[in-house]
Amino acid sequence: MSEATGPEYLTRAEAAALCRVPLPTFDKLRRDGLVPPHDAEVGKHKLWRAETIEEFLSVGGTRR
């Protein structure tokens, strides 16, 4: 998504897919504080900027 339209946000399922882990694994990693905190909330839904997850993965993800 271009800067003019704002950042691209990912749902939990999309963030998990980008991290190449099943959703339950992503949720456990999130609860354990091993993935970055969400960037936004819409109602009860947690959202991550694509950039946040990509940066997390570029530095090794949970292998840091």
Protein backbone atom coordinates (compact mmCIF):
# COMPACT_ATOMS: atom_id res chain seq x y z
CA MET A 1 0.00 0.00 0.00
CA SER A 2 1.34 3.46 -0.78
CA GLU A 3 2.16 6.14 1.78
CA ALA A 4 -0.67 8.28 0.40
CA THR A 5 -3.27 5.76 1.56
CA GLY A 6 -1.59 5.03 4.88
CA PRO A 7 0.02 1.94 6.36
CA GLU A 8 -1.15 -1.55 5.58
CA TYR A 9 -2.53 -3.35 8.64
CA LEU A 10 -2.58 -7.11 9.14
CA THR A 11 -5.02 -9.18 11.15
CA ARG A 12 -3.72 -11.86 13.55
CA ALA A 13 -4.23 -14.48 10.84
CA GLU A 14 -2.39 -12.42 8.23
CA ALA A 15 0.47 -11.65 10.63
CA ALA A 16 0.73 -15.36 11.49
CA ALA A 17 0.82 -16.25 7.78
CA LEU A 18 3.57 -13.68 7.17
CA CYS A 19 5.53 -15.24 10.06
CA ARG A 20 4.84 -18.69 8.55
CA VAL A 21 3.34 -20.11 11.74
CA PRO A 22 -0.14 -21.43 12.51
CA LEU A 23 -2.50 -18.97 14.19
CA PRO A 24 -2.46 -20.83 17.55
CA THR A 25 1.35 -20.65 17.56
CA PHE A 26 1.26 -16.94 16.74
CA ASP A 27 -1.22 -16.38 19.60
CA LYS A 28 1.03 -18.24 22.05
CA LEU A 29 4.08 -16.28 20.91
CA ARG A 30 2.07 -13.08 21.34
CA ARG A 31 0.95 -14.04 24.86
CA ASP A 32 4.55 -14.89 25.73
CA GLY A 33 5.68 -11.47 24.49
CA LEU A 34 7.78 -12.92 21.65
CA VAL A 35 6.18 -10.94 18.83
CA PRO A 36 5.93 -7.15 18.66
CA PRO A 37 2.91 -5.55 20.30
CA HIS A 38 0.02 -4.69 18.00
CA ASP A 39 0.01 -1.26 16.35
CA ALA A 40 -3.73 -0.65 16.38
CA GLU A 41 -7.03 -1.99 17.69
CA VAL A 42 -10.39 -1.94 15.99
CA GLY A 43 -12.92 -3.04 18.55
CA LYS A 44 -11.47 -6.22 20.01
CA HIS A 45 -9.30 -6.92 16.94
CA LYS A 46 -5.55 -6.44 17.22
CA LEU A 47 -3.77 -5.20 14.07
CA TRP A 48 -0.11 -5.01 13.13
CA ARG A 49 1.45 -2.80 10.49
CA ALA A 50 2.99 -4.97 7.79
CA GLU A 51 6.20 -3.00 8.36
CA THR A 52 6.25 -4.01 12.05
CA ILE A 53 6.10 -7.73 11.24
CA GLU A 54 8.55 -7.45 8.34
CA GLU A 55 11.07 -5.62 10.57
CA PHE A 56 10.59 -8.23 13.32
CA LEU A 57 11.32 -11.01 10.83
CA SER A 58 14.29 -9.19 9.29
CA VAL A 59 16.12 -9.18 12.64
CA GLY A 60 15.51 -12.88 13.21
CA GLY A 61 11.99 -13.04 14.59
CA THR A 62 11.86 -15.11 17.77
CA ARG A 63 15.43 -16.34 17.16
CA ARG A 64 16.98 -13.03 18.25
